[in-house]
Amino acid sequence: MKNISFLAKFILCLFILLVSATTAYTSETRNPFEYGKEVHKNVKAGNSLEVILISGVEKVAVIGGKEYYVGDRLGTYKVMTINIDYVEIASSEKTKRLYLNDQL
């Protein structure tokens, strides 16, 4: 009787470990140190917000591989603000918020 109970517990523990390991391996994970919206892995290269750097009062956004500061022009848009999780750009017609890996 004790052997069957031990064997059943052992098999149950193995099953739980297998299921949890499979779930952890296949589920999408997100870096807890990244701010903003979820990062999409399948973003094409181009005019996407790639990096936001803030050091003291200096703020830099890397969009399409180029550095932009507040006040810089980006086509018809102007960089209005650079925050820790988004960059706000504005044209004469509209204002947009770009989050990491958002396309312009």
C-alpha atoms as a PDB file:
ATOM      1  CA  MET A   1       0.000   0.000   0.000  1.00  0.00           C
ATOM      2  CA  LYS A   2       2.774   2.436   0.893  1.00  0.00           C
ATOM      3  CA  ASN A   3       4.636   1.652  -2.350  1.00  0.00           C
ATOM      4  CA  ILE A   4       1.621   2.489  -4.511  1.00  0.00           C
ATOM      5  CA  SER A   5       1.027   5.731  -2.650  1.00  0.00           C
ATOM      6  CA  PHE A   6       4.693   6.739  -3.030  1.00  0.00           C
ATOM      7  CA  LEU A   7       4.713   5.794  -6.712  1.00  0.00           C
ATOM      8  CA  ALA A   8       1.517   7.776  -7.357  1.00  0.00           C
ATOM      9  CA  LYS A   9       2.989  10.847  -5.619  1.00  0.00           C
ATOM     10  CA  PHE A  10       6.230  10.488  -7.571  1.00  0.00           C
ATOM     11  CA  ILE A  11       4.408  10.265 -10.911  1.00  0.00           C
ATOM     12  CA  LEU A  12       2.217  13.245  -9.997  1.00  0.00           C
ATOM     13  CA  CYS A  13       5.266  15.342  -9.083  1.00  0.00           C
ATOM     14  CA  LEU A  14       6.984  14.376 -12.333  1.00  0.00           C
ATOM     15  CA  PHE A  15       3.892  15.312 -14.318  1.00  0.00           C
ATOM     16  CA  ILE A  16       3.620  18.715 -12.598  1.00  0.00           C
ATOM     17  CA  LEU A  17       7.299  19.454 -13.232  1.00  0.00           C
ATOM     18  CA  LEU A  18       6.991  18.454 -16.864  1.00  0.00           C
ATOM     19  CA  VAL A  19       3.909  20.631 -17.434  1.00  0.00           C
ATOM     20  CA  SER A  20       5.411  23.664 -15.681  1.00  0.00           C
ATOM     21  CA  ALA A  21       8.713  23.328 -17.541  1.00  0.00           C
ATOM     22  CA  THR A  22       6.912  23.067 -20.887  1.00  0.00           C
ATOM     23  CA  THR A  23       4.735  26.086 -20.098  1.00  0.00           C
ATOM     24  CA  ALA A  24       7.709  28.179 -18.997  1.00  0.00           C
ATOM     25  CA  TYR A  25       9.659  27.229 -22.111  1.00  0.00           C
ATOM     26  CA  THR A  26       6.913  27.962 -24.636  1.00  0.00           C
ATOM     27  CA  SER A  27       5.319  31.085 -23.145  1.00  0.00           C
ATOM     28  CA  GLU A  28       6.463  34.550 -24.161  1.00  0.00           C
ATOM     29  CA  THR A  29       8.444  36.254 -21.449  1.00  0.00           C
ATOM     30  CA  ARG A  30       8.991  39.962 -20.931  1.00  0.00           C
ATOM     31  CA  ASN A  31      12.020  41.612 -19.389  1.00  0.00           C
ATOM     32  CA  PRO A  32      10.800  43.184 -16.111  1.00  0.00           C
ATOM     33  CA  PHE A  33      13.359  45.980 -16.512  1.00  0.00           C
ATOM     34  CA  GLU A  34      11.915  47.233 -19.822  1.00  0.00           C
ATOM     35  CA  TYR A  35       9.367  50.018 -19.627  1.00  0.00           C
ATOM     36  CA  GLY A  36       6.403  50.623 -21.873  1.00  0.00           C
ATOM     37  CA  LYS A  37       4.362  48.301 -23.968  1.00  0.00           C
ATOM     38  CA  GLU A  38       5.279  44.716 -24.621  1.00  0.00           C
ATOM     39  CA  VAL A  39       8.218  44.387 -26.966  1.00  0.00           C
ATOM     40  CA  HIS A  40       7.388  42.747 -30.291  1.00  0.00           C
ATOM     41  CA  LYS A  41      10.040  40.436 -31.678  1.00  0.00           C
ATOM     42  CA  ASN A  42       9.027  40.580 -35.346  1.00  0.00           C
ATOM     43  CA  VAL A  43       9.531  44.290 -36.008  1.00  0.00           C
ATOM     44  CA  LYS A  44      11.032  45.164 -39.368  1.00  0.00           C
ATOM     45  CA  ALA A  45      13.998  47.491 -39.547  1.00  0.00           C
ATOM     46  CA  GLY A  46      13.148  51.044 -40.521  1.00  0.00           C
ATOM     47  CA  ASN A  47      11.790  54.004 -38.652  1.00  0.00           C
ATOM     48  CA  SER A  48      10.987  52.348 -35.348  1.00  0.00           C
ATOM     49  CA  LEU A  49      11.777  53.582 -31.860  1.00  0.00           C
ATOM     50  CA  GLU A  50      14.694  51.381 -30.856  1.00  0.00           C
ATOM     51  CA  VAL A  51      16.210  52.900 -27.706  1.00  0.00           C
ATOM     52  CA  ILE A  52      15.402  55.553 -25.098  1.00  0.00           C
ATOM     53  CA  LEU A  53      18.387  56.794 -23.093  1.00  0.00           C
ATOM     54  CA  ILE A  54      17.953  59.107 -20.108  1.00  0.00           C
ATOM     55  CA  SER A  55      20.954  60.180 -18.073  1.00  0.00           C
ATOM     56  CA  GLY A  56      20.321  63.046 -15.711  1.00  0.00           C
ATOM     57  CA  VAL A  57      18.868  65.843 -17.825  1.00  0.00           C
ATOM     58  CA  GLU A  58      20.092  64.436 -21.151  1.00  0.00           C
ATOM     59  CA  LYS A  59      17.468  62.482 -23.069  1.00  0.00           C
ATOM     60  CA  VAL A  60      18.106  60.693 -26.366  1.00  0.00           C
ATOM     61  CA  ALA A  61      15.825  58.575 -28.534  1.00  0.00           C
ATOM     62  CA  VAL A  62      17.187  56.285 -31.251  1.00  0.00           C
ATOM     63  CA  ILE A  63      14.713  56.070 -34.119  1.00  0.00           C
ATOM     64  CA  GLY A  64      15.664  54.217 -37.271  1.00  0.00           C
ATOM     65  CA  GLY A  65      19.296  54.044 -36.125  1.00  0.00           C
ATOM     66  CA  LYS A  66      19.643  57.828 -35.668  1.00  0.00           C
ATOM     67  CA  GLU A  67      19.806  59.835 -32.441  1.00  0.00           C
ATOM     68  CA  TYR A  68      17.123  62.440 -31.764  1.00  0.00           C
ATOM     69  CA  TYR A  69      16.835  64.999 -28.984  1.00  0.00           C
ATOM     70  CA  VAL A  70      13.844  67.099 -27.890  1.00  0.00           C
ATOM     71  CA  GLY A  71      13.249  69.717 -30.578  1.00  0.00           C
ATOM     72  CA  ASP A  72      14.850  67.718 -33.419  1.00  0.00           C
ATOM     73  CA  ARG A  73      12.976  67.242 -36.683  1.00  0.00           C
ATOM     74  CA  LEU A  74      12.025  63.763 -37.866  1.00  0.00           C
ATOM     75  CA  GLY A  75      10.548  64.214 -41.334  1.00  0.00           C
ATOM     76  CA  THR A  76       7.362  66.230 -40.878  1.00  0.00           C
ATOM     77  CA  TYR A  77       7.374  65.528 -37.137  1.00  0.00           C
ATOM     78  CA  LYS A  78       9.148  67.286 -34.298  1.00  0.00           C
ATOM     79  CA  VAL A  79      10.316  65.461 -31.146  1.00  0.00           C
ATOM     80  CA  MET A  80       8.300  67.041 -28.353  1.00  0.00           C
ATOM     81  CA  THR A  81       9.149  64.929 -25.283  1.00  0.00           C
ATOM     82  CA  ILE A  82      11.274  61.917 -24.441  1.00  0.00           C
ATOM     83  CA  ASN A  83      10.003  59.944 -21.465  1.00  0.00           C
ATOM     84  CA  ILE A  84      11.204  56.740 -19.884  1.00  0.00           C
ATOM     85  CA  ASP A  85       8.707  54.593 -21.801  1.00  0.00           C
ATOM     86  CA  TYR A  86       7.694  56.630 -24.869  1.00  0.00           C
ATOM     87  CA  VAL A  87       8.654  59.473 -27.202  1.00  0.00           C
ATOM     88  CA  GLU A  88       6.049  62.035 -28.198  1.00  0.00           C
ATOM     89  CA  ILE A  89       6.290  63.488 -31.696  1.00  0.00           C
ATOM     90  CA  ALA A  90       4.017  66.062 -33.314  1.00  0.00           C
ATOM     91  CA  SER A  91       3.281  67.447 -36.751  1.00  0.00           C
ATOM     92  CA  SER A  92       0.989  70.309 -37.659  1.00  0.00           C
ATOM     93  CA  GLU A  93      -1.872  67.809 -37.972  1.00  0.00           C
ATOM     94  CA  LYS A  94      -1.429  65.300 -35.148  1.00  0.00           C
ATOM     95  CA  THR A  95       0.551  64.129 -32.133  1.00  0.00           C
ATOM     96  CA  LYS A  96       1.805  60.538 -31.748  1.00  0.00           C
ATOM     97  CA  ARG A  97       3.355  58.554 -28.936  1.00  0.00           C
ATOM     98  CA  LEU A  98       5.978  56.053 -29.999  1.00  0.00           C
ATOM     99  CA  TYR A  99       6.683  53.151 -27.683  1.00  0.00           C
ATOM    100  CA  LEU A 100       9.649  50.804 -28.093  1.00  0.00           C
ATOM    101  CA  ASN A 101       9.587  49.092 -31.490  1.00  0.00           C
ATOM    102  CA  ASP A 102       6.606  51.129 -32.721  1.00  0.00           C
ATOM    103  CA  GLN A 103       6.857  52.049 -36.380  1.00  0.00           C
ATOM    104  CA  LEU A 104       6.739  55.721 -37.312  1.00  0.00           C
END
